[in-house]
Amino acid sequence: MTRPLRADAQANHDRLLEVAASAFAREGTNASLKAIAAEAGVGIGTLYRRFPAREDLVEAVYRSETERLSLAAGRLLEEQEPREALRSWMEQFVDYMLTKQGMSDALPVILATRDGLRAHSREVLEEAVSHLVTAGRQAGDLRGDLDPSDVLMAVGGITLIAGHEGQRELASRLIDLLFEGLVPLTPGS
């Protein structure tokens, strides 16, 4: 059983993941680990104690970003109406996917070799979008026939297109178009 980290060690761990996610999104997984450690305010030895291999850090960032996006659904529903919460979540999904694209050289091998990682990620993201879609349906803000898996696939496709084009703002415009299709044409439909 793994012992919980001390508060300061947990803060360092979280900061390393945050900085690494930004570095990987910007520079790919070949980003300097020394620069990541320095920006996180820790020594390189701390980074290597937590993540002995680069792949361990990539996996930890992937897991952390997936969890963060999953948890965002509930937080957004507490702060916004369901329709706006889903729209905000979609924008966060785009940012998540862009971080994954920065890890695209290493992530396929990690997903293929770490049992259940891909399935777990898909499951938690489907649960998150399902939670948002259900709340939107119940509020009458979203079409009753929406399949949450379709919504997730559509926003994923948008991200791939925008990422390929290198245009983050294109993703937001395409989400606007998609979002119009999620709203009932007449109230209650």
N, C-alpha and C. Protein backbone atom coordinates (compact mmCIF):
# COMPACT_ATOMS: atom_id res chain seq x y z
N MET A 1 0.84 -1.18 0.00
CA MET A 1 0.00 0.00 0.00
C MET A 1 0.89 1.25 0.00
N THR A 2 0.55 2.21 -0.82
CA THR A 2 1.30 3.45 -0.92
C THR A 2 0.87 4.42 0.17
N ARG A 3 1.87 4.94 0.89
CA ARG A 3 1.57 5.92 1.93
C ARG A 3 1.27 7.27 1.28
N PRO A 4 0.34 8.03 1.86
CA PRO A 4 0.07 9.37 1.33
C PRO A 4 1.31 10.25 1.50
N LEU A 5 1.46 11.18 0.58
CA LEU A 5 2.58 12.11 0.64
C LEU A 5 2.33 13.17 1.70
N ARG A 6 3.42 13.68 2.28
CA ARG A 6 3.30 14.83 3.18
C ARG A 6 2.72 15.99 2.37
N ALA A 7 2.18 16.97 3.04
CA ALA A 7 1.54 18.10 2.35
C ALA A 7 2.51 18.82 1.42
N ASP A 8 3.75 19.05 1.88
CA ASP A 8 4.72 19.74 1.02
C ASP A 8 5.14 18.88 -0.16
N ALA A 9 5.29 17.59 0.07
CA ALA A 9 5.64 16.67 -1.02
C ALA A 9 4.50 16.57 -2.03
N GLN A 10 3.27 16.57 -1.55
CA GLN A 10 2.12 16.54 -2.46
C GLN A 10 2.05 17.82 -3.29
N ALA A 11 2.33 18.95 -2.65
CA ALA A 11 2.33 20.22 -3.38
C ALA A 11 3.41 20.21 -4.47
N ASN A 12 4.60 19.69 -4.15
CA ASN A 12 5.66 19.58 -5.16
C ASN A 12 5.25 18.66 -6.30
N HIS A 13 4.64 17.54 -5.95
CA HIS A 13 4.17 16.57 -6.94
C HIS A 13 3.15 17.23 -7.89
N ASP A 14 2.18 17.90 -7.30
CA ASP A 14 1.14 18.56 -8.10
C ASP A 14 1.72 19.64 -8.99
N ARG A 15 2.66 20.41 -8.44
CA ARG A 15 3.29 21.47 -9.23
C ARG A 15 4.11 20.89 -10.38
N LEU A 16 4.82 19.80 -10.14
CA LEU A 16 5.56 19.15 -11.21
C LEU A 16 4.64 18.71 -12.34
N LEU A 17 3.50 18.14 -11.99
CA LEU A 17 2.55 17.69 -13.02
C LEU A 17 1.98 18.87 -13.80
N GLU A 18 1.68 19.94 -13.10
CA GLU A 18 1.14 21.14 -13.75
C GLU A 18 2.15 21.74 -14.73
N VAL A 19 3.38 21.88 -14.28
CA VAL A 19 4.43 22.46 -15.12
C VAL A 19 4.74 21.52 -16.29
N ALA A 20 4.81 20.22 -16.02
CA ALA A 20 5.10 19.26 -17.09
C ALA A 20 3.98 19.26 -18.14
N ALA A 21 2.73 19.37 -17.71
CA ALA A 21 1.63 19.41 -18.68
C ALA A 21 1.79 20.60 -19.62
N SER A 22 2.12 21.75 -19.08
CA SER A 22 2.33 22.94 -19.91
C SER A 22 3.53 22.76 -20.84
N ALA A 23 4.61 22.23 -20.31
CA ALA A 23 5.82 22.03 -21.11
C ALA A 23 5.57 21.03 -22.23
N PHE A 24 4.87 19.93 -21.92
CA PHE A 24 4.58 18.92 -22.95
C PHE A 24 3.66 19.48 -24.02
N ALA A 25 2.68 20.29 -23.63
CA ALA A 25 1.78 20.88 -24.62
C ALA A 25 2.54 21.82 -25.54
N ARG A 26 3.50 22.55 -24.99
CA ARG A 26 4.29 23.52 -25.77
C ARG A 26 5.37 22.86 -26.61
N GLU A 27 6.11 21.94 -25.97
CA GLU A 27 7.36 21.45 -26.56
C GLU A 27 7.36 19.96 -26.88
N GLY A 28 6.32 19.24 -26.50
CA GLY A 28 6.33 17.79 -26.66
C GLY A 28 7.01 17.13 -25.49
N THR A 29 7.07 15.81 -25.53
CA THR A 29 7.62 15.08 -24.38
C THR A 29 9.14 15.11 -24.30
N ASN A 30 9.78 15.73 -25.28
CA ASN A 30 11.22 15.90 -25.19
C ASN A 30 11.59 17.18 -24.45
N ALA A 31 10.60 17.83 -23.85
CA ALA A 31 10.87 19.03 -23.06
C ALA A 31 11.91 18.69 -21.99
N SER A 32 12.72 19.65 -21.66
CA SER A 32 13.78 19.45 -20.68
C SER A 32 13.21 19.17 -19.30
N LEU A 33 13.59 18.01 -18.75
CA LEU A 33 13.15 17.68 -17.39
C LEU A 33 13.79 18.60 -16.37
N LYS A 34 15.00 19.01 -16.64
CA LYS A 34 15.68 19.95 -15.75
C LYS A 34 14.92 21.28 -15.71
N ALA A 35 14.46 21.75 -16.87
CA ALA A 35 13.70 23.00 -16.93
C ALA A 35 12.34 22.84 -16.24
N ILE A 36 11.72 21.68 -16.38
CA ILE A 36 10.44 21.42 -15.72
C ILE A 36 10.64 21.48 -14.20
N ALA A 37 11.66 20.80 -13.71
CA ALA A 37 11.93 20.81 -12.27
C ALA A 37 12.19 22.22 -11.78
N ALA A 38 13.00 22.98 -12.52
CA ALA A 38 13.33 24.35 -12.10
C ALA A 38 12.08 25.22 -12.07
N GLU A 39 11.24 25.12 -13.10
CA GLU A 39 10.02 25.94 -13.13
C GLU A 39 9.07 25.55 -12.01
N ALA A 40 9.07 24.27 -11.65
CA ALA A 40 8.22 23.79 -10.55
C ALA A 40 8.80 24.16 -9.18
N GLY A 41 10.03 24.65 -9.16
CA GLY A 41 10.64 25.06 -7.90
C GLY A 41 11.21 23.91 -7.10
N VAL A 42 11.59 22.82 -7.79
CA VAL A 42 12.19 21.67 -7.11
C VAL A 42 13.48 21.31 -7.83
N GLY A 43 14.29 20.51 -7.17
CA GLY A 43 15.52 20.02 -7.80
C GLY A 43 15.22 18.87 -8.73
N ILE A 44 16.13 18.61 -9.64
CA ILE A 44 15.96 17.51 -10.59
C ILE A 44 15.89 16.17 -9.85
N GLY A 45 16.58 16.07 -8.71
CA GLY A 45 16.51 14.83 -7.92
C GLY A 45 15.11 14.55 -7.42
N THR A 46 14.38 15.59 -7.04
CA THR A 46 12.98 15.42 -6.61
C THR A 46 12.14 14.88 -7.76
N LEU A 47 12.35 15.43 -8.94
CA LEU A 47 11.60 14.95 -10.11
C LEU A 47 11.89 13.47 -10.34
N TYR A 48 13.17 13.09 -10.33
CA TYR A 48 13.52 11.70 -10.60
C TYR A 48 13.10 10.75 -9.49
N ARG A 49 13.02 11.22 -8.25
CA ARG A 49 12.51 10.36 -7.17
C ARG A 49 11.04 10.04 -7.39
N ARG A 50 10.30 11.02 -7.85
CA ARG A 50 8.86 10.81 -8.09
C ARG A 50 8.61 10.09 -9.41
N PHE A 51 9.44 10.39 -10.42
CA PHE A 51 9.23 9.88 -11.78
C PHE A 51 10.58 9.39 -12.33
N PRO A 52 10.94 8.15 -12.02
CA PRO A 52 12.27 7.64 -12.40
C PRO A 52 12.55 7.67 -13.91
N ALA A 53 11.52 7.54 -14.72
CA ALA A 53 11.70 7.58 -16.18
C ALA A 53 10.77 8.65 -16.77
N ARG A 54 11.16 9.19 -17.87
CA ARG A 54 10.35 10.21 -18.56
C ARG A 54 8.92 9.69 -18.79
N GLU A 55 8.81 8.41 -19.15
CA GLU A 55 7.49 7.81 -19.41
C GLU A 55 6.61 7.84 -18.16
N ASP A 56 7.23 7.71 -16.99
CA ASP A 56 6.46 7.78 -15.74
C ASP A 56 5.85 9.17 -15.56
N LEU A 57 6.61 10.19 -15.92
CA LEU A 57 6.10 11.56 -15.82
C LEU A 57 5.00 11.80 -16.86
N VAL A 58 5.19 11.31 -18.07
CA VAL A 58 4.16 11.46 -19.11
C VAL A 58 2.87 10.77 -18.66
N GLU A 59 2.98 9.57 -18.14
CA GLU A 59 1.80 8.85 -17.68
C GLU A 59 1.12 9.61 -16.53
N ALA A 60 1.90 10.10 -15.60
CA ALA A 60 1.33 10.82 -14.46
C ALA A 60 0.63 12.09 -14.92
N VAL A 61 1.20 12.80 -15.88
CA VAL A 61 0.55 13.99 -16.42
C VAL A 61 -0.76 13.62 -17.10
N TYR A 62 -0.72 12.57 -17.89
CA TYR A 62 -1.93 12.11 -18.58
C TYR A 62 -3.04 11.75 -17.58
N ARG A 63 -2.67 10.99 -16.56
CA ARG A 63 -3.66 10.61 -15.53
C ARG A 63 -4.20 11.85 -14.80
N SER A 64 -3.30 12.75 -14.45
CA SER A 64 -3.68 13.96 -13.73
C SER A 64 -4.62 14.83 -14.56
N GLU A 65 -4.27 15.03 -15.81
CA GLU A 65 -5.10 15.87 -16.68
C GLU A 65 -6.47 15.22 -16.93
N THR A 66 -6.49 13.90 -17.07
CA THR A 66 -7.76 13.19 -17.25
C THR A 66 -8.64 13.35 -16.01
N GLU A 67 -8.04 13.18 -14.86
CA GLU A 67 -8.79 13.32 -13.60
C GLU A 67 -9.29 14.74 -13.41
N ARG A 68 -8.44 15.71 -13.73
CA ARG A 68 -8.83 17.11 -13.59
C ARG A 68 -10.04 17.43 -14.48
N LEU A 69 -10.01 16.95 -15.72
CA LEU A 69 -11.12 17.18 -16.64
C LEU A 69 -12.37 16.48 -16.17
N SER A 70 -12.22 15.27 -15.67
CA SER A 70 -13.37 14.53 -15.15
C SER A 70 -14.02 15.27 -13.98
N LEU A 71 -13.22 15.73 -13.05
CA LEU A 71 -13.75 16.43 -11.88
C LEU A 71 -14.34 17.80 -12.22
N ALA A 72 -13.90 18.38 -13.32
CA ALA A 72 -14.40 19.69 -13.72
C ALA A 72 -15.89 19.67 -13.99
N ALA A 73 -16.43 18.55 -14.43
CA ALA A 73 -17.86 18.48 -14.76
C ALA A 73 -18.72 18.85 -13.54
N GLY A 74 -18.46 18.22 -12.42
CA GLY A 74 -19.23 18.52 -11.22
C GLY A 74 -19.05 19.94 -10.73
N ARG A 75 -17.80 20.41 -10.77
CA ARG A 75 -17.52 21.78 -10.33
C ARG A 75 -18.24 22.79 -11.22
N LEU A 76 -18.20 22.57 -12.53
CA LEU A 76 -18.86 23.49 -13.45
C LEU A 76 -20.37 23.52 -13.24
N LEU A 77 -20.95 22.36 -12.94
CA LEU A 77 -22.40 22.32 -12.69
C LEU A 77 -22.78 23.06 -11.40
N GLU A 78 -21.86 23.13 -10.46
CA GLU A 78 -22.11 23.90 -9.24
C GLU A 78 -22.06 25.40 -9.51
N GLU A 79 -21.26 25.80 -10.50
CA GLU A 79 -21.02 27.21 -10.77
C GLU A 79 -21.87 27.79 -11.89
N GLN A 80 -22.38 26.95 -12.79
CA GLN A 80 -23.06 27.43 -13.98
C GLN A 80 -24.33 26.62 -14.24
N GLU A 81 -25.17 27.18 -15.10
CA GLU A 81 -26.32 26.42 -15.59
C GLU A 81 -25.80 25.26 -16.43
N PRO A 82 -26.55 24.15 -16.52
CA PRO A 82 -26.05 22.97 -17.23
C PRO A 82 -25.56 23.24 -18.66
N ARG A 83 -26.28 24.04 -19.40
CA ARG A 83 -25.88 24.32 -20.78
C ARG A 83 -24.51 25.00 -20.83
N GLU A 84 -24.32 26.02 -20.00
CA GLU A 84 -23.05 26.73 -19.96
C GLU A 84 -21.94 25.83 -19.40
N ALA A 85 -22.30 24.97 -18.44
CA ALA A 85 -21.31 24.05 -17.87
C ALA A 85 -20.78 23.10 -18.94
N LEU A 86 -21.67 22.58 -19.77
CA LEU A 86 -21.23 21.68 -20.85
C LEU A 86 -20.34 22.43 -21.82
N ARG A 87 -20.71 23.64 -22.18
CA ARG A 87 -19.92 24.44 -23.11
C ARG A 87 -18.52 24.71 -22.53
N SER A 88 -18.45 25.06 -21.26
CA SER A 88 -17.17 25.29 -20.59
C SER A 88 -16.34 24.01 -20.55
N TRP A 89 -17.01 22.90 -20.27
CA TRP A 89 -16.31 21.62 -20.20
C TRP A 89 -15.72 21.26 -21.56
N MET A 90 -16.46 21.54 -22.62
CA MET A 90 -15.96 21.26 -23.97
C MET A 90 -14.68 22.05 -24.24
N GLU A 91 -14.64 23.31 -23.82
CA GLU A 91 -13.43 24.11 -24.00
C GLU A 91 -12.27 23.51 -23.20
N GLN A 92 -12.55 23.04 -22.01
CA GLN A 92 -11.51 22.40 -21.21
C GLN A 92 -11.06 21.10 -21.85
N PHE A 93 -11.99 20.39 -22.48
CA PHE A 93 -11.64 19.15 -23.18
C PHE A 93 -10.64 19.45 -24.31
N VAL A 94 -10.88 20.54 -25.03
CA VAL A 94 -9.96 20.92 -26.11
C VAL A 94 -8.56 21.14 -25.54
N ASP A 95 -8.45 21.86 -24.44
CA ASP A 95 -7.14 22.10 -23.83
C ASP A 95 -6.50 20.79 -23.38
N TYR A 96 -7.30 19.89 -22.83
CA TYR A 96 -6.83 18.56 -22.43
C TYR A 96 -6.26 17.80 -23.63
N MET A 97 -7.00 17.82 -24.73
CA MET A 97 -6.55 17.11 -25.92
C MET A 97 -5.29 17.74 -26.50
N LEU A 98 -5.19 19.05 -26.43
CA LEU A 98 -3.97 19.69 -26.94
C LEU A 98 -2.76 19.30 -26.10
N THR A 99 -2.96 19.12 -24.80
CA THR A 99 -1.87 18.63 -23.95
C THR A 99 -1.50 17.21 -24.37
N LYS A 100 -2.52 16.38 -24.65
CA LYS A 100 -2.25 15.02 -25.11
C LYS A 100 -1.49 15.03 -26.43
N GLN A 101 -1.82 15.96 -27.33
CA GLN A 101 -1.12 16.01 -28.60
C GLN A 101 0.36 16.32 -28.39
N GLY A 102 0.66 17.12 -27.39
CA GLY A 102 2.05 17.40 -27.08
C GLY A 102 2.79 16.16 -26.58
N MET A 103 2.03 15.18 -26.11
CA MET A 103 2.62 13.93 -25.62
C MET A 103 2.47 12.81 -26.64
N SER A 104 2.07 13.15 -27.87
CA SER A 104 1.71 12.14 -28.86
C SER A 104 2.84 11.19 -29.24
N ASP A 105 4.08 11.62 -29.08
CA ASP A 105 5.17 10.72 -29.42
C ASP A 105 5.34 9.61 -28.38
N ALA A 106 5.05 9.87 -27.14
CA ALA A 106 5.25 8.88 -26.08
C ALA A 106 3.96 8.21 -25.62
N LEU A 107 2.84 8.89 -25.74
CA LEU A 107 1.59 8.39 -25.17
C LEU A 107 1.08 7.08 -25.79
N PRO A 108 1.17 6.86 -27.09
CA PRO A 108 0.67 5.59 -27.63
C PRO A 108 1.32 4.36 -26.99
N VAL A 109 2.62 4.40 -26.78
CA VAL A 109 3.32 3.28 -26.17
C VAL A 109 2.86 3.11 -24.72
N ILE A 110 2.73 4.22 -24.02
CA ILE A 110 2.30 4.16 -22.62
C ILE A 110 0.88 3.59 -22.53
N LEU A 111 -0.01 4.06 -23.39
CA LEU A 111 -1.39 3.57 -23.36
C LEU A 111 -1.46 2.09 -23.72
N ALA A 112 -0.57 1.64 -24.59
CA ALA A 112 -0.56 0.25 -25.00
C ALA A 112 0.03 -0.68 -23.95
N THR A 113 0.94 -0.16 -23.12
CA THR A 113 1.65 -1.02 -22.18
C THR A 113 1.15 -0.93 -20.74
N ARG A 114 0.37 0.06 -20.42
CA ARG A 114 -0.13 0.21 -19.05
C ARG A 114 -1.57 -0.28 -19.01
N ASP A 115 -1.76 -1.45 -18.40
CA ASP A 115 -3.06 -2.12 -18.38
C ASP A 115 -4.19 -1.21 -17.91
N GLY A 116 -5.20 -1.13 -18.74
CA GLY A 116 -6.43 -0.44 -18.38
C GLY A 116 -6.40 1.07 -18.42
N LEU A 117 -5.26 1.68 -18.74
CA LEU A 117 -5.16 3.14 -18.70
C LEU A 117 -6.08 3.78 -19.72
N ARG A 118 -6.06 3.30 -20.95
CA ARG A 118 -6.91 3.88 -22.00
C ARG A 118 -8.40 3.70 -21.64
N ALA A 119 -8.78 2.49 -21.23
CA ALA A 119 -10.18 2.22 -20.90
C ALA A 119 -10.64 3.07 -19.71
N HIS A 120 -9.78 3.19 -18.71
CA HIS A 120 -10.13 4.00 -17.53
C HIS A 120 -10.35 5.46 -17.93
N SER A 121 -9.47 5.99 -18.76
CA SER A 121 -9.58 7.39 -19.18
C SER A 121 -10.89 7.62 -19.92
N ARG A 122 -11.17 6.75 -20.86
CA ARG A 122 -12.41 6.88 -21.63
C ARG A 122 -13.63 6.80 -20.72
N GLU A 123 -13.59 5.88 -19.78
CA GLU A 123 -14.71 5.68 -18.85
C GLU A 123 -14.97 6.94 -18.01
N VAL A 124 -13.92 7.52 -17.43
CA VAL A 124 -14.15 8.68 -16.57
C VAL A 124 -14.59 9.90 -17.37
N LEU A 125 -14.10 10.03 -18.60
CA LEU A 125 -14.54 11.17 -19.42
C LEU A 125 -15.96 10.97 -19.92
N GLU A 126 -16.34 9.74 -20.24
CA GLU A 126 -17.73 9.48 -20.63
C GLU A 126 -18.68 9.73 -19.45
N GLU A 127 -18.25 9.36 -18.25
CA GLU A 127 -19.07 9.64 -17.06
C GLU A 127 -19.25 11.14 -16.87
N ALA A 128 -18.19 11.90 -17.07
CA ALA A 128 -18.24 13.35 -16.89
C ALA A 128 -19.20 13.98 -17.89
N VAL A 129 -19.06 13.64 -19.16
CA VAL A 129 -19.93 14.25 -20.17
C VAL A 129 -21.37 13.76 -20.00
N SER A 130 -21.54 12.53 -19.57
CA SER A 130 -22.89 12.01 -19.31
C SER A 130 -23.56 12.78 -18.18
N HIS A 131 -22.82 13.10 -17.15
CA HIS A 131 -23.32 13.89 -16.02
C HIS A 131 -23.79 15.27 -16.51
N LEU A 132 -22.97 15.89 -17.37
CA LEU A 132 -23.32 17.21 -17.91
C LEU A 132 -24.53 17.14 -18.83
N VAL A 133 -24.57 16.14 -19.70
CA VAL A 133 -25.69 16.00 -20.64
C VAL A 133 -26.98 15.70 -19.88
N THR A 134 -26.92 14.83 -18.89
CA THR A 134 -28.11 14.50 -18.10
C THR A 134 -28.65 15.75 -17.40
N ALA A 135 -27.77 16.53 -16.81
CA ALA A 135 -28.20 17.77 -16.14
C ALA A 135 -28.83 18.73 -17.16
N GLY A 136 -28.25 18.82 -18.34
CA GLY A 136 -28.80 19.69 -19.38
C GLY A 136 -30.16 19.22 -19.88
N ARG A 137 -30.30 17.92 -20.02
CA ARG A 137 -31.61 17.37 -20.42
C ARG A 137 -32.67 17.67 -19.36
N GLN A 138 -32.31 17.43 -18.10
CA GLN A 138 -33.27 17.65 -17.01
C GLN A 138 -33.68 19.11 -16.91
N ALA A 139 -32.78 20.01 -17.25
CA ALA A 139 -33.09 21.44 -17.23
C ALA A 139 -33.84 21.88 -18.49
N GLY A 140 -33.95 20.98 -19.47
CA GLY A 140 -34.60 21.33 -20.73
C GLY A 140 -33.71 22.15 -21.65
N ASP A 141 -32.42 22.25 -21.32
CA ASP A 141 -31.47 23.05 -22.10
C ASP A 141 -30.84 22.28 -23.25
N LEU A 142 -30.89 20.95 -23.18
CA LEU A 142 -30.27 20.12 -24.19
C LEU A 142 -31.28 19.12 -24.73
N ARG A 143 -31.07 18.70 -25.97
CA ARG A 143 -31.97 17.74 -26.60
C ARG A 143 -32.05 16.46 -25.78
N GLY A 144 -33.24 15.90 -25.73
CA GLY A 144 -33.46 14.69 -24.96
C GLY A 144 -32.85 13.45 -25.59
N ASP A 145 -32.56 13.50 -26.87
CA ASP A 145 -32.03 12.32 -27.56
C ASP A 145 -30.51 12.30 -27.67
N LEU A 146 -29.84 13.19 -26.97
CA LEU A 146 -28.37 13.24 -27.05
C LEU A 146 -27.74 12.00 -26.45
N ASP A 147 -26.79 11.46 -27.15
CA ASP A 147 -25.98 10.36 -26.64
C ASP A 147 -24.67 10.97 -26.15
N PRO A 148 -24.37 10.90 -24.86
CA PRO A 148 -23.14 11.50 -24.35
C PRO A 148 -21.88 11.02 -25.08
N SER A 149 -21.86 9.75 -25.49
CA SER A 149 -20.69 9.25 -26.23
C SER A 149 -20.52 9.98 -27.55
N ASP A 150 -21.63 10.31 -28.20
CA ASP A 150 -21.56 11.06 -29.46
C ASP A 150 -21.02 12.47 -29.22
N VAL A 151 -21.44 13.08 -28.13
CA VAL A 151 -20.96 14.42 -27.80
C VAL A 151 -19.45 14.37 -27.56
N LEU A 152 -18.99 13.38 -26.83
CA LEU A 152 -17.56 13.24 -26.56
C LEU A 152 -16.79 13.01 -27.85
N MET A 153 -17.30 12.16 -28.71
CA MET A 153 -16.62 11.90 -29.99
C MET A 153 -16.59 13.16 -30.87
N ALA A 154 -17.69 13.92 -30.88
CA ALA A 154 -17.75 15.13 -31.70
C ALA A 154 -16.74 16.17 -31.24
N VAL A 155 -16.67 16.41 -29.95
CA VAL A 155 -15.71 17.41 -29.46
C VAL A 155 -14.28 16.89 -29.63
N GLY A 156 -14.09 15.58 -29.54
CA GLY A 156 -12.78 15.01 -29.82
C GLY A 156 -12.37 15.23 -31.27
N GLY A 157 -13.32 15.05 -32.18
CA GLY A 157 -13.04 15.31 -33.59
C GLY A 157 -12.71 16.76 -33.86
N ILE A 158 -13.44 17.64 -33.23
CA ILE A 158 -13.15 19.07 -33.36
C ILE A 158 -11.73 19.37 -32.92
N THR A 159 -11.32 18.77 -31.83
CA THR A 159 -9.98 19.01 -31.30
C THR A 159 -8.92 18.51 -32.25
N LEU A 160 -9.16 17.36 -32.85
CA LEU A 160 -8.18 16.82 -33.81
C LEU A 160 -8.03 17.74 -35.01
N ILE A 161 -9.15 18.25 -35.51
CA ILE A 161 -9.10 19.16 -36.66
C ILE A 161 -8.35 20.44 -36.28
N ALA A 162 -8.74 21.04 -35.18
CA ALA A 162 -8.11 22.30 -34.76
C ALA A 162 -6.64 22.09 -34.42
N GLY A 163 -6.32 20.96 -33.80
CA GLY A 163 -4.92 20.68 -33.46
C GLY A 163 -4.08 20.49 -34.71
N HIS A 164 -4.64 19.81 -35.69
CA HIS A 164 -3.93 19.61 -36.96
C HIS A 164 -3.67 20.94 -37.65
N GLU A 165 -4.63 21.82 -37.56
CA GLU A 165 -4.50 23.14 -38.17
C GLU A 165 -3.70 24.11 -37.30
N GLY A 166 -3.43 23.72 -36.04
CA GLY A 166 -2.68 24.58 -35.13
C GLY A 166 -3.45 25.84 -34.75
N GLN A 167 -4.77 25.71 -34.66
CA GLN A 167 -5.61 26.88 -34.39
C GLN A 167 -6.55 26.60 -33.22
N ARG A 168 -6.18 27.01 -32.04
CA ARG A 168 -7.03 26.82 -30.86
C ARG A 168 -8.36 27.53 -31.02
N GLU A 169 -8.35 28.74 -31.60
CA GLU A 169 -9.59 29.50 -31.77
C GLU A 169 -10.55 28.81 -32.74
N LEU A 170 -10.02 28.04 -33.69
CA LEU A 170 -10.88 27.26 -34.59
C LEU A 170 -11.71 26.26 -33.79
N ALA A 171 -11.12 25.65 -32.79
CA ALA A 171 -11.85 24.70 -31.95
C ALA A 171 -13.04 25.38 -31.28
N SER A 172 -12.85 26.57 -30.77
CA SER A 172 -13.97 27.28 -30.12
C SER A 172 -15.08 27.60 -31.11
N ARG A 173 -14.72 27.99 -32.31
CA ARG A 173 -15.74 28.27 -33.32
C ARG A 173 -16.50 27.00 -33.71
N LEU A 174 -15.78 25.90 -33.83
CA LEU A 174 -16.44 24.64 -34.18
C LEU A 174 -17.31 24.13 -33.02
N ILE A 175 -16.87 24.36 -31.79
CA ILE A 175 -17.71 24.00 -30.63
C ILE A 175 -19.00 24.80 -30.67
N ASP A 176 -18.92 26.08 -31.04
CA ASP A 176 -20.14 26.89 -31.18
C ASP A 176 -21.10 26.24 -32.17
N LEU A 177 -20.58 25.79 -33.29
CA LEU A 177 -21.43 25.14 -34.30
C LEU A 177 -22.02 23.83 -33.75
N LEU A 178 -21.19 23.03 -33.13
CA LEU A 178 -21.67 21.78 -32.54
C LEU A 178 -22.73 22.05 -31.49
N PHE A 179 -22.46 23.04 -30.66
CA PHE A 179 -23.36 23.32 -29.55
C PHE A 179 -24.77 23.67 -30.03
N GLU A 180 -24.87 24.34 -31.15
CA GLU A 180 -26.20 24.66 -31.69
C GLU A 180 -27.00 23.39 -31.99
N GLY A 181 -26.33 22.32 -32.35
CA GLY A 181 -27.00 21.06 -32.61
C GLY A 181 -27.40 20.31 -31.36
N LEU A 182 -26.89 20.71 -30.21
CA LEU A 182 -27.22 20.05 -28.95
C LEU A 182 -28.43 20.64 -28.27
N VAL A 183 -28.82 21.83 -28.71
CA VAL A 183 -29.91 22.57 -28.08
C VAL A 183 -31.23 22.18 -28.75
N PRO A 184 -32.28 21.97 -27.98
CA PRO A 184 -33.56 21.61 -28.60
C PRO A 184 -34.08 22.73 -29.50
N LEU A 185 -34.66 22.34 -30.63
CA LEU A 185 -35.24 23.33 -31.55
C LEU A 185 -36.46 24.00 -30.91
N THR A 186 -37.21 23.20 -30.18
CA THR A 186 -38.36 23.75 -29.44
C THR A 186 -38.20 23.31 -27.98
N PRO A 187 -38.64 24.14 -27.05
CA PRO A 187 -38.49 23.77 -25.63
C PRO A 187 -39.09 22.41 -25.34
N GLY A 188 -38.35 21.59 -24.59
CA GLY A 188 -38.84 20.29 -24.16
C GLY A 188 -38.63 19.18 -25.16
N SER A 189 -38.01 19.46 -26.31
CA SER A 189 -37.84 18.37 -27.30
C SER A 189 -36.50 17.71 -27.17
